[in-house]
Amino acid sequence: MNQRWTISFKGLGLIEEGSVRIAPLMLFTGDNNSGKSYVMVLLWGIIALGRTLFPDKIPQSRSYQSCQRWLSEKISFMEENNIEGIKIEPQDMDLFVEWFSENLNNKRNYLSSQLFGEDRVKIKELSVGDYSRESSLELRIEKNGQHNNRYSSGKNHVRFPMWEETPGPLEIYRMIQYLAWKIVIGDLGAPLYPPQNMLAIPAGEILYLPAARTGFTLMRKMLASAAFGSGGENMNLLLPARRFMQRFLNISFELKKNDYSSFADILESEVLLGHIGENNAPLPDYSYYPAGKDGDSIPLWLTSSLVTEISPLLLFLRSGDRFNSLIIEEPEAHLHLEMQKALARLLVRLVNKGLPIWFTTHGDTFFQQMSNLVKASSVDGETLKEISLDRDETIEPKDVSAFYFKRQVDQRGKTTTNIDRLTVDEGGIAGPAFTDSILSLAEETFFLKKAIEKRETDDED
């Protein structure tokens, strides 16, 4: 994940004004019903639906004209000097970010209706800014389109085939859309121009694993008719949850090796303590095979909630479904403390593999393990061995962002949410709310212990 940017918003549920900055690993924690899921849904929407927010006609706004002028000048410069590529400077990328942000704000009500339902949530302002990039980006042109007549991009470049001496206004507009998408979204989501299949979910689309995954897992066949019959539009769920159901029902379970199959192996051996298998039905049933039980299987509806909560993540890691980033609501749900620690390590491994992961959590153990994995990034290999950690189970502070969502009652008596960015450094992730809660519980425990001891002493007297 090369890009970093901040999304700012006003009027998102209880959040009158707030912002979050994305990173390869991003976590939200805090009070219940404070808006954590709303912000995750909004991020999912920007990445999954952002391509639909570009105007149908060539814009006339100042921000677009700045992009148009810059691109036209660079193409002319490269042609005149017979140069195939030039570096896009940070201030130049800001032009495209500003235009993308303008489109986002103009279409915020459309986006909100798609995500949350019509007129359910009315966002007052929405923007993307404070952009930075980990590595440089190059603009390339290929005269006569010798190798490919399609736009293309790599990790650090964008390539446009040139069939005309001077591209026309419509072609320039398409190029600007492509550049803006590459700069802002990049490899977080599907390509700007995916294969034209209106019914298919584009390969690479960000994957959203909602909370209460046990319900989705056990009720998947009962939900199949709604999802298949109408694309899920009539299901009273947030759009990313509906999209998750569509993908879950169409998942291609594969035992052959893929980019994430080794991580699925770790998940089965260290968390599930067994593996998941399927039958050959068109809409297959899945079964759990406990480790050491000589092939005995248990249908998922008879297994523990640990298995049914983790199964969707496992199945997607095993599947042929391609996703370029991942959002998980409460990954630690229903897991014993040791399993939470193992899952945290696995998620960090995935991030280090190149899969951005954003999640919400209420788990103090899970949060503390994540904090420890940040701390561990600064110690040497021998120290890691002493606590049984691999280097790829640690993550540097620069690759992590964390936010605390706090409900509060203002002077008007109105409940609102404040979003605070938590400090992430070599000391880990600051979590004062968890620390305060645990300290309060410890004090209560100590008080009760003393009270019982005093009563027993009084009884003896």
Protein backbone atom coordinates (compact mmCIF):
# COMPACT_ATOMS: atom_id res chain seq x y z
CA MET A 1 0.00 0.00 0.00
CA ASN A 2 1.74 3.09 -1.26
CA GLN A 3 -0.73 5.85 -0.51
CA ARG A 4 -1.70 7.56 2.71
CA TRP A 5 -4.59 9.99 2.93
CA THR A 6 -7.02 11.41 5.42
CA ILE A 7 -10.77 11.21 5.00
CA SER A 8 -12.69 14.00 6.72
CA PHE A 9 -16.44 14.17 7.21
CA LYS A 10 -19.20 16.12 8.89
CA GLY A 11 -22.61 14.82 9.89
CA LEU A 12 -21.91 11.07 9.83
CA GLY A 13 -24.33 9.66 12.40
CA LEU A 14 -23.26 10.85 15.85
CA ILE A 15 -20.02 12.22 14.44
CA GLU A 16 -20.54 15.93 13.88
CA GLU A 17 -17.00 16.28 12.58
CA GLY A 18 -14.16 13.79 12.34
CA SER A 19 -11.33 12.38 10.30
CA VAL A 20 -9.18 9.25 10.05
CA ARG A 21 -5.91 8.61 8.24
CA ILE A 22 -5.48 5.30 6.47
CA ALA A 23 -2.49 2.99 6.89
CA PRO A 24 -1.78 -0.63 5.92
CA LEU A 25 -3.07 -1.67 9.35
CA MET A 26 -5.79 0.56 10.81
CA LEU A 27 -7.90 -0.11 13.88
CA PHE A 28 -10.91 1.57 15.43
CA THR A 29 -11.82 1.02 19.06
CA GLY A 30 -13.98 2.81 21.60
CA ASP A 31 -17.53 3.01 22.85
CA ASN A 32 -20.40 0.96 21.49
CA ASN A 33 -22.74 2.76 19.08
CA SER A 34 -20.19 5.50 18.51
CA GLY A 35 -19.86 5.29 14.71
CA LYS A 36 -16.89 2.98 14.15
CA SER A 37 -18.81 0.82 11.69
CA TYR A 38 -20.23 3.86 9.91
CA VAL A 39 -16.73 5.12 9.15
CA MET A 40 -15.61 1.66 7.98
CA VAL A 41 -18.66 1.41 5.72
CA LEU A 42 -17.87 4.85 4.31
CA LEU A 43 -14.27 3.85 3.59
CA TRP A 44 -15.49 0.67 1.92
CA GLY A 45 -17.86 2.72 -0.21
CA ILE A 46 -15.19 5.17 -1.38
CA ILE A 47 -12.96 2.29 -2.49
CA ALA A 48 -15.66 -0.02 -3.89
CA LEU A 49 -17.97 2.59 -5.45
CA GLY A 50 -15.58 5.48 -6.08
CA ARG A 51 -15.43 4.79 -9.81
CA THR A 52 -19.15 5.62 -10.06
CA LEU A 53 -18.61 9.12 -8.62
CA PHE A 54 -16.85 10.62 -11.65
CA PRO A 55 -19.07 12.98 -13.67
CA ASP A 56 -20.56 11.59 -16.89
CA LYS A 57 -19.57 14.71 -18.83
CA ILE A 58 -16.23 16.49 -18.97
CA PRO A 59 -16.14 18.71 -15.86
CA GLN A 60 -15.63 22.46 -16.00
CA SER A 61 -14.49 22.97 -12.41
CA ARG A 62 -11.28 24.76 -11.51
CA SER A 63 -9.80 21.61 -9.95
CA TYR A 64 -10.44 19.58 -13.10
CA GLN A 65 -8.99 22.28 -15.35
CA SER A 66 -5.81 22.23 -13.25
CA CYS A 67 -5.50 18.48 -13.87
CA GLN A 68 -6.26 18.93 -17.56
CA ARG A 69 -3.69 21.68 -17.98
CA TRP A 70 -1.00 19.69 -16.14
CA LEU A 71 -1.57 16.48 -18.12
CA SER A 72 -1.70 18.23 -21.50
CA GLU A 73 1.52 20.08 -20.75
CA LYS A 74 3.32 16.90 -19.64
CA ILE A 75 2.22 14.93 -22.69
CA SER A 76 3.40 17.75 -24.99
CA PHE A 77 6.70 18.00 -23.14
CA MET A 78 7.36 14.24 -23.41
CA GLU A 79 6.47 14.15 -27.10
CA GLU A 80 8.57 17.19 -27.96
CA ASN A 81 11.60 15.83 -26.10
CA ASN A 82 11.06 12.19 -27.05
CA ILE A 83 10.76 11.20 -23.37
CA GLU A 84 8.78 8.10 -22.45
CA GLY A 85 8.31 8.80 -18.75
CA ILE A 86 8.44 11.52 -16.11
CA LYS A 87 8.07 11.53 -12.34
CA ILE A 88 4.79 12.87 -10.97
CA GLU A 89 5.77 15.25 -8.20
CA PRO A 90 3.84 15.35 -4.88
CA GLN A 91 2.35 18.76 -5.64
CA ASP A 92 1.13 17.41 -8.98
CA MET A 93 -0.55 14.44 -7.33
CA ASP A 94 -2.32 16.88 -5.03
CA LEU A 95 -4.13 18.29 -8.09
CA PHE A 96 -5.74 14.91 -8.76
CA VAL A 97 -6.50 14.31 -5.09
CA GLU A 98 -8.26 17.68 -4.91
CA TRP A 99 -10.39 16.84 -7.95
CA PHE A 100 -11.22 13.36 -6.61
CA SER A 101 -12.19 14.94 -3.30
CA GLU A 102 -14.42 17.46 -5.07
CA ASN A 103 -16.28 14.65 -6.85
CA LEU A 104 -16.59 12.76 -3.58
CA ASN A 105 -18.19 15.70 -1.84
CA ASN A 106 -20.50 16.44 -4.76
CA LYS A 107 -21.74 12.85 -4.76
CA ARG A 108 -21.77 12.33 -0.98
CA ASN A 109 -25.57 11.99 -0.77
CA TYR A 110 -25.62 9.44 -3.59
CA LEU A 111 -22.82 7.50 -1.92
CA SER A 112 -24.54 7.63 1.47
CA SER A 113 -27.83 6.39 -0.01
CA GLN A 114 -26.07 3.49 -1.68
CA LEU A 115 -24.31 2.48 1.53
CA PHE A 116 -26.84 3.15 4.28
CA GLY A 117 -30.18 3.37 2.47
CA GLU A 118 -31.93 6.32 0.94
CA ASP A 119 -32.05 9.37 3.24
CA ARG A 120 -30.91 7.30 6.24
CA VAL A 121 -27.63 9.13 6.75
CA LYS A 122 -27.05 12.60 5.35
CA ILE A 123 -23.39 13.55 5.31
CA LYS A 124 -22.86 17.31 5.35
CA GLU A 125 -19.30 17.34 4.03
CA LEU A 126 -16.88 14.72 2.75
CA SER A 127 -13.30 15.11 1.57
CA VAL A 128 -9.99 13.35 1.03
CA GLY A 129 -6.71 15.17 1.60
CA ASP A 130 -3.32 15.29 3.34
CA TYR A 131 -2.00 12.92 0.68
CA SER A 132 1.40 11.27 0.73
CA ARG A 133 2.99 8.34 -1.03
CA GLU A 134 5.61 5.85 0.11
CA SER A 135 7.31 5.62 -3.29
CA SER A 136 7.35 7.80 -6.41
CA LEU A 137 4.90 7.47 -9.31
CA GLU A 138 5.85 7.84 -12.97
CA LEU A 139 3.73 8.88 -15.94
CA ARG A 140 4.63 7.02 -19.13
CA ILE A 141 3.41 7.34 -22.70
CA GLU A 142 3.81 4.77 -25.44
CA LYS A 143 3.62 6.10 -28.96
CA ASN A 144 1.41 4.15 -31.36
CA GLY A 145 0.44 1.76 -28.54
CA GLN A 146 2.93 -0.82 -29.73
CA HIS A 147 2.44 -3.28 -26.88
CA ASN A 148 -1.09 -2.68 -25.62
CA ASN A 149 -3.80 -0.22 -26.59
CA ARG A 150 -5.27 -0.22 -23.07
CA TYR A 151 -4.29 2.00 -20.19
CA SER A 152 -2.16 0.11 -17.72
CA SER A 153 -0.33 0.65 -14.46
CA GLY A 154 2.27 -1.01 -12.28
CA LYS A 155 3.22 -0.47 -8.68
CA ASN A 156 4.98 2.82 -9.46
CA HIS A 157 3.82 3.87 -12.91
CA VAL A 158 0.84 4.66 -15.14
CA ARG A 159 1.10 4.05 -18.89
CA PHE A 160 -1.02 5.58 -21.64
CA PRO A 161 -0.81 4.44 -25.28
CA MET A 162 -0.72 7.42 -27.66
CA TRP A 163 -2.46 6.97 -30.99
CA GLU A 164 -2.77 10.64 -31.81
CA GLU A 165 -0.30 13.50 -31.66
CA THR A 166 -2.60 15.36 -29.30
CA PRO A 167 -5.30 13.47 -27.36
CA GLY A 168 -8.75 15.02 -27.58
CA PRO A 169 -10.70 16.39 -24.57
CA LEU A 170 -12.60 13.14 -23.99
CA GLU A 171 -9.42 11.07 -24.07
CA ILE A 172 -7.74 13.50 -21.69
CA TYR A 173 -10.74 13.17 -19.35
CA ARG A 174 -10.42 9.37 -19.36
CA MET A 175 -6.70 9.68 -18.61
CA ILE A 176 -7.37 12.06 -15.72
CA GLN A 177 -9.90 9.65 -14.21
CA TYR A 178 -7.39 6.84 -14.53
CA LEU A 179 -4.61 8.89 -12.91
CA ALA A 180 -6.85 10.08 -10.07
CA TRP A 181 -7.95 6.51 -9.38
CA LYS A 182 -4.37 5.25 -9.38
CA ILE A 183 -3.19 8.02 -7.06
CA VAL A 184 -6.02 7.86 -4.50
CA ILE A 185 -7.30 4.27 -4.61
CA GLY A 186 -4.45 2.43 -6.31
CA ASP A 187 -4.26 -1.21 -5.30
CA LEU A 188 -6.75 -0.86 -2.43
CA GLY A 189 -9.59 -1.80 -4.76
CA ALA A 190 -10.52 -3.08 -8.19
CA PRO A 191 -9.23 -1.39 -11.36
CA LEU A 192 -11.03 1.70 -12.59
CA TYR A 193 -12.07 -0.11 -15.76
CA PRO A 194 -12.86 -3.71 -14.73
CA PRO A 195 -14.19 -6.28 -17.22
CA GLN A 196 -17.66 -5.25 -18.35
CA ASN A 197 -19.91 -7.68 -16.48
CA MET A 198 -22.61 -5.80 -14.62
CA LEU A 199 -23.53 -8.82 -12.48
CA ALA A 200 -20.01 -9.70 -11.38
CA ILE A 201 -18.16 -8.15 -8.48
CA PRO A 202 -14.93 -6.72 -9.91
CA ALA A 203 -11.81 -8.72 -9.15
CA GLY A 204 -9.83 -6.99 -6.44
CA GLU A 205 -12.77 -5.22 -4.79
CA ILE A 206 -12.22 -4.52 -1.11
CA LEU A 207 -13.70 -7.30 1.04
CA TYR A 208 -15.86 -6.46 4.06
CA LEU A 209 -16.40 -9.10 6.75
CA PRO A 210 -19.29 -7.83 8.92
CA ALA A 211 -19.90 -8.53 12.59
CA ALA A 212 -22.10 -11.48 13.60
CA ARG A 213 -20.45 -13.75 11.04
CA THR A 214 -21.91 -16.82 12.75
CA GLY A 215 -25.38 -15.73 11.63
CA PHE A 216 -24.27 -15.24 8.03
CA THR A 217 -22.44 -18.57 8.06
CA LEU A 218 -25.34 -20.63 9.40
CA MET A 219 -28.10 -18.83 7.48
CA ARG A 220 -26.32 -18.61 4.13
CA LYS A 221 -28.63 -21.04 2.31
CA MET A 222 -31.74 -19.30 3.63
CA LEU A 223 -30.35 -15.97 2.42
CA ALA A 224 -29.33 -17.37 -0.97
CA SER A 225 -32.63 -16.72 -2.75
CA ALA A 226 -32.66 -13.05 -1.73
CA ALA A 227 -29.05 -12.54 -2.73
CA PHE A 228 -29.32 -14.38 -6.05
CA GLY A 229 -32.80 -13.19 -6.94
CA SER A 230 -32.29 -9.45 -6.60
CA GLY A 231 -28.58 -8.92 -6.16
CA GLY A 232 -29.32 -8.51 -2.47
CA GLU A 233 -31.09 -5.14 -2.89
CA ASN A 234 -34.10 -6.27 -0.86
CA MET A 235 -32.02 -7.50 2.06
CA ASN A 236 -32.16 -5.03 4.94
CA LEU A 237 -28.40 -4.85 5.35
CA LEU A 238 -25.74 -2.26 4.74
CA LEU A 239 -24.39 -2.48 1.19
CA PRO A 240 -20.98 -3.94 2.14
CA ALA A 241 -22.75 -6.66 4.16
CA ARG A 242 -24.97 -7.47 1.17
CA ARG A 243 -21.92 -7.56 -1.05
CA PHE A 244 -20.24 -9.88 1.45
CA MET A 245 -23.23 -12.25 1.23
CA GLN A 246 -23.07 -12.27 -2.58
CA ARG A 247 -19.39 -13.12 -2.48
CA PHE A 248 -19.83 -15.67 0.30
CA LEU A 249 -22.55 -17.50 -1.65
CA ASN A 250 -20.48 -17.56 -4.83
CA ILE A 251 -17.18 -18.33 -3.18
CA SER A 252 -14.88 -20.73 -5.00
CA PHE A 253 -13.34 -22.93 -2.32
CA GLU A 254 -9.92 -24.07 -3.50
CA LEU A 255 -7.36 -26.30 -1.84
CA LYS A 256 -4.70 -25.46 -4.40
CA LYS A 257 -2.02 -22.98 -3.48
CA ASN A 258 -2.73 -19.26 -3.86
CA ASP A 259 -1.34 -16.04 -2.40
CA TYR A 260 -3.02 -16.60 0.96
CA SER A 261 -3.27 -20.39 1.29
CA SER A 262 -0.27 -20.55 3.62
CA PHE A 263 -2.02 -18.07 5.92
CA ALA A 264 -5.14 -20.23 5.83
CA ASP A 265 -2.94 -23.14 6.95
CA ILE A 266 -1.76 -21.08 9.94
CA LEU A 267 -5.33 -20.05 10.78
CA GLU A 268 -6.45 -23.67 10.80
CA SER A 269 -3.54 -24.97 12.83
CA GLU A 270 -3.26 -22.19 15.41
CA VAL A 271 -6.82 -20.89 15.80
CA LEU A 272 -9.36 -23.37 14.43
CA LEU A 273 -7.38 -26.43 15.52
CA GLY A 274 -8.80 -28.28 12.56
CA HIS A 275 -9.78 -27.57 8.97
CA ILE A 276 -12.87 -26.78 6.90
CA GLY A 277 -14.04 -28.95 4.01
CA GLU A 278 -16.97 -28.79 1.58
CA ASN A 279 -19.23 -31.22 -0.24
CA ASN A 280 -19.95 -31.20 -3.98
CA ALA A 281 -23.37 -29.52 -3.92
CA PRO A 282 -23.90 -26.47 -6.19
CA LEU A 283 -24.27 -24.41 -3.02
CA PRO A 284 -21.98 -26.50 -0.82
CA ASP A 285 -22.28 -27.34 2.82
CA TYR A 286 -19.16 -26.88 4.90
CA SER A 287 -17.95 -29.15 7.67
CA TYR A 288 -15.34 -28.85 10.37
CA TYR A 289 -12.69 -31.56 10.73
CA PRO A 290 -11.09 -31.34 14.21
CA ALA A 291 -7.37 -32.00 14.32
CA GLY A 292 -6.50 -35.52 15.47
CA LYS A 293 -9.99 -36.98 14.91
CA ASP A 294 -9.10 -39.27 11.99
CA GLY A 295 -11.32 -37.69 9.36
CA ASP A 296 -14.41 -37.24 11.51
CA SER A 297 -16.41 -34.19 10.43
CA ILE A 298 -18.92 -31.94 12.16
CA PRO A 299 -21.43 -29.76 10.29
CA LEU A 300 -20.84 -26.10 11.00
CA TRP A 301 -24.17 -25.71 12.79
CA LEU A 302 -22.91 -28.15 15.43
CA THR A 303 -19.55 -26.47 15.93
CA SER A 304 -18.51 -23.78 18.39
CA SER A 305 -18.96 -20.09 17.63
CA LEU A 306 -15.18 -19.84 17.24
CA VAL A 307 -15.41 -22.01 14.11
CA THR A 308 -18.42 -20.23 12.60
CA GLU A 309 -17.00 -16.76 13.27
CA ILE A 310 -13.61 -17.55 11.74
CA SER A 311 -14.88 -19.68 8.83
CA PRO A 312 -15.65 -16.76 6.46
CA LEU A 313 -12.11 -15.40 6.80
CA LEU A 314 -10.65 -18.86 6.28
CA LEU A 315 -12.82 -19.60 3.25
CA PHE A 316 -11.92 -16.33 1.56
CA LEU A 317 -8.22 -16.95 2.19
CA ARG A 318 -8.65 -20.37 0.56
CA SER A 319 -10.83 -19.11 -2.27
CA GLY A 320 -10.25 -17.86 -5.77
CA ASP A 321 -12.02 -14.62 -4.81
CA ARG A 322 -9.49 -11.83 -5.28
CA PHE A 323 -9.58 -8.92 -2.84
CA ASN A 324 -6.94 -6.20 -2.60
CA SER A 325 -7.82 -5.00 0.92
CA LEU A 326 -9.85 -6.26 3.84
CA ILE A 327 -12.15 -4.79 6.49
CA ILE A 328 -13.11 -6.96 9.48
CA GLU A 329 -15.59 -6.05 12.17
CA GLU A 330 -14.53 -7.37 15.57
CA PRO A 331 -12.11 -10.11 14.43
CA GLU A 332 -11.62 -11.24 18.04
CA ALA A 333 -15.32 -12.07 18.62
CA HIS A 334 -15.90 -15.42 20.40
CA LEU A 335 -12.17 -16.20 20.60
CA HIS A 336 -10.34 -17.30 23.73
CA LEU A 337 -7.50 -14.98 24.75
CA GLU A 338 -4.78 -17.23 23.32
CA MET A 339 -6.68 -17.51 20.04
CA GLN A 340 -7.02 -13.72 19.90
CA LYS A 341 -3.26 -13.39 20.19
CA ALA A 342 -2.71 -15.97 17.43
CA LEU A 343 -5.21 -14.21 15.16
CA ALA A 344 -3.56 -10.83 15.73
CA ARG A 345 -0.22 -12.29 14.67
CA LEU A 346 -1.78 -13.81 11.56
CA LEU A 347 -3.38 -10.51 10.53
CA VAL A 348 -0.04 -8.73 10.86
CA ARG A 349 1.53 -11.42 8.69
CA LEU A 350 -1.10 -10.71 6.04
CA VAL A 351 -0.46 -6.96 6.21
CA ASN A 352 3.26 -7.59 5.77
CA LYS A 353 2.42 -9.76 2.77
CA GLY A 354 0.83 -6.70 1.19
CA LEU A 355 -2.85 -6.97 2.17
CA PRO A 356 -4.10 -3.80 3.92
CA ILE A 357 -6.39 -4.73 6.83
CA TRP A 358 -8.67 -2.36 8.72
CA PHE A 359 -10.75 -3.50 11.68
CA THR A 360 -12.90 -2.50 14.61
CA THR A 361 -12.30 -4.06 18.02
CA HIS A 362 -13.52 -4.06 21.61
CA GLY A 363 -11.04 -6.72 22.70
CA ASP A 364 -8.48 -5.51 25.22
CA THR A 365 -6.33 -8.64 24.74
CA PHE A 366 -6.50 -8.34 20.96
CA PHE A 367 -5.67 -4.64 21.16
CA GLN A 368 -2.74 -5.26 23.52
CA GLN A 369 -1.36 -7.99 21.28
CA MET A 370 -1.48 -5.60 18.32
CA SER A 371 0.31 -3.02 20.44
CA ASN A 372 2.98 -5.57 21.38
CA LEU A 373 3.52 -6.48 17.73
CA VAL A 374 4.24 -2.80 17.06
CA LYS A 375 6.65 -2.67 20.00
CA ALA A 376 8.35 -5.83 18.80
CA SER A 377 9.27 -4.24 15.47
CA SER A 378 12.08 -2.33 17.18
CA VAL A 379 13.78 -5.26 18.95
CA ASP A 380 16.46 -7.61 17.62
CA GLY A 381 16.03 -11.17 16.41
CA GLU A 382 17.27 -12.78 19.60
CA THR A 383 14.69 -10.90 21.65
CA LEU A 384 11.96 -12.01 19.26
CA LYS A 385 13.02 -15.64 19.68
CA GLU A 386 12.65 -15.35 23.45
CA ILE A 387 8.96 -14.47 23.06
CA SER A 388 8.39 -16.88 20.12
CA LEU A 389 7.76 -14.15 17.55
CA ASP A 390 8.79 -14.13 13.90
CA ARG A 391 9.91 -10.90 12.29
CA ASP A 392 6.95 -10.96 9.88
CA GLU A 393 4.63 -11.00 12.90
CA THR A 394 5.82 -7.52 13.84
CA ILE A 395 4.81 -4.24 12.24
CA GLU A 396 6.45 -0.83 12.23
CA PRO A 397 4.63 2.17 13.73
CA LYS A 398 4.60 3.99 10.38
CA ASP A 399 2.36 1.25 8.96
CA VAL A 400 -0.27 1.52 11.70
CA SER A 401 -2.98 4.03 12.53
CA ALA A 402 -5.41 3.74 15.43
CA PHE A 403 -8.43 5.75 16.53
CA TYR A 404 -10.60 5.91 19.63
CA PHE A 405 -14.32 6.73 19.25
CA LYS A 406 -15.74 8.34 22.38
CA ARG A 407 -19.41 9.14 22.97
CA GLN A 408 -20.01 12.33 24.90
CA VAL A 409 -22.86 14.64 25.87
CA ASP A 410 -22.26 18.25 24.89
CA GLN A 411 -23.53 21.42 26.57
CA ARG A 412 -26.77 21.17 24.63
CA GLY A 413 -27.44 17.74 26.10
CA LYS A 414 -26.85 16.16 22.69
CA THR A 415 -24.90 12.92 22.36
CA THR A 416 -22.06 13.12 19.86
CA THR A 417 -18.92 11.15 19.06
CA ASN A 418 -15.40 12.47 19.18
CA ILE A 419 -12.64 10.64 17.26
CA ASP A 420 -9.17 10.77 18.80
CA ARG A 421 -6.08 9.51 17.02
CA LEU A 422 -4.09 7.21 19.28
CA THR A 423 -0.32 7.54 19.48
CA VAL A 424 1.52 4.75 17.65
CA ASP A 425 5.28 4.61 18.18
CA GLU A 426 8.01 2.26 19.37
CA GLY A 427 6.12 2.00 22.66
CA GLY A 428 3.18 0.41 20.84
CA ILE A 429 -0.37 1.73 20.51
CA ALA A 430 -1.55 3.97 23.33
CA GLY A 431 -4.79 2.61 24.77
CA PRO A 432 -5.73 4.67 27.82
CA ALA A 433 -9.40 3.65 27.68
CA PHE A 434 -8.54 -0.04 27.96
CA THR A 435 -5.97 0.69 30.65
CA ASP A 436 -8.44 2.75 32.67
CA SER A 437 -11.16 0.09 32.41
CA ILE A 438 -8.83 -2.72 33.44
CA LEU A 439 -7.45 -0.63 36.31
CA SER A 440 -10.99 0.15 37.50
CA LEU A 441 -11.88 -3.55 37.38
CA ALA A 442 -8.70 -4.44 39.29
CA GLU A 443 -9.53 -1.85 41.95
CA GLU A 444 -13.03 -3.28 42.29
CA THR A 445 -11.59 -6.79 42.61
CA PHE A 446 -9.13 -5.63 45.28
CA PHE A 447 -11.89 -3.79 47.17
CA LEU A 448 -14.15 -6.87 47.20
CA LYS A 449 -11.27 -9.08 48.31
CA LYS A 450 -10.54 -6.76 51.22
CA ALA A 451 -14.23 -6.59 52.12
CA ILE A 452 -14.53 -10.39 52.22
CA GLU A 453 -11.36 -10.73 54.27
CA LYS A 454 -12.67 -8.13 56.76
CA ARG A 455 -16.01 -9.92 57.06
CA GLU A 456 -14.26 -13.25 57.70
CA THR A 457 -12.08 -11.58 60.36
CA ASP A 458 -15.12 -10.06 62.02
CA ASP A 459 -16.88 -13.45 62.02
CA GLU A 460 -13.91 -15.06 63.74
CA ASP A 461 -13.98 -12.36 66.44
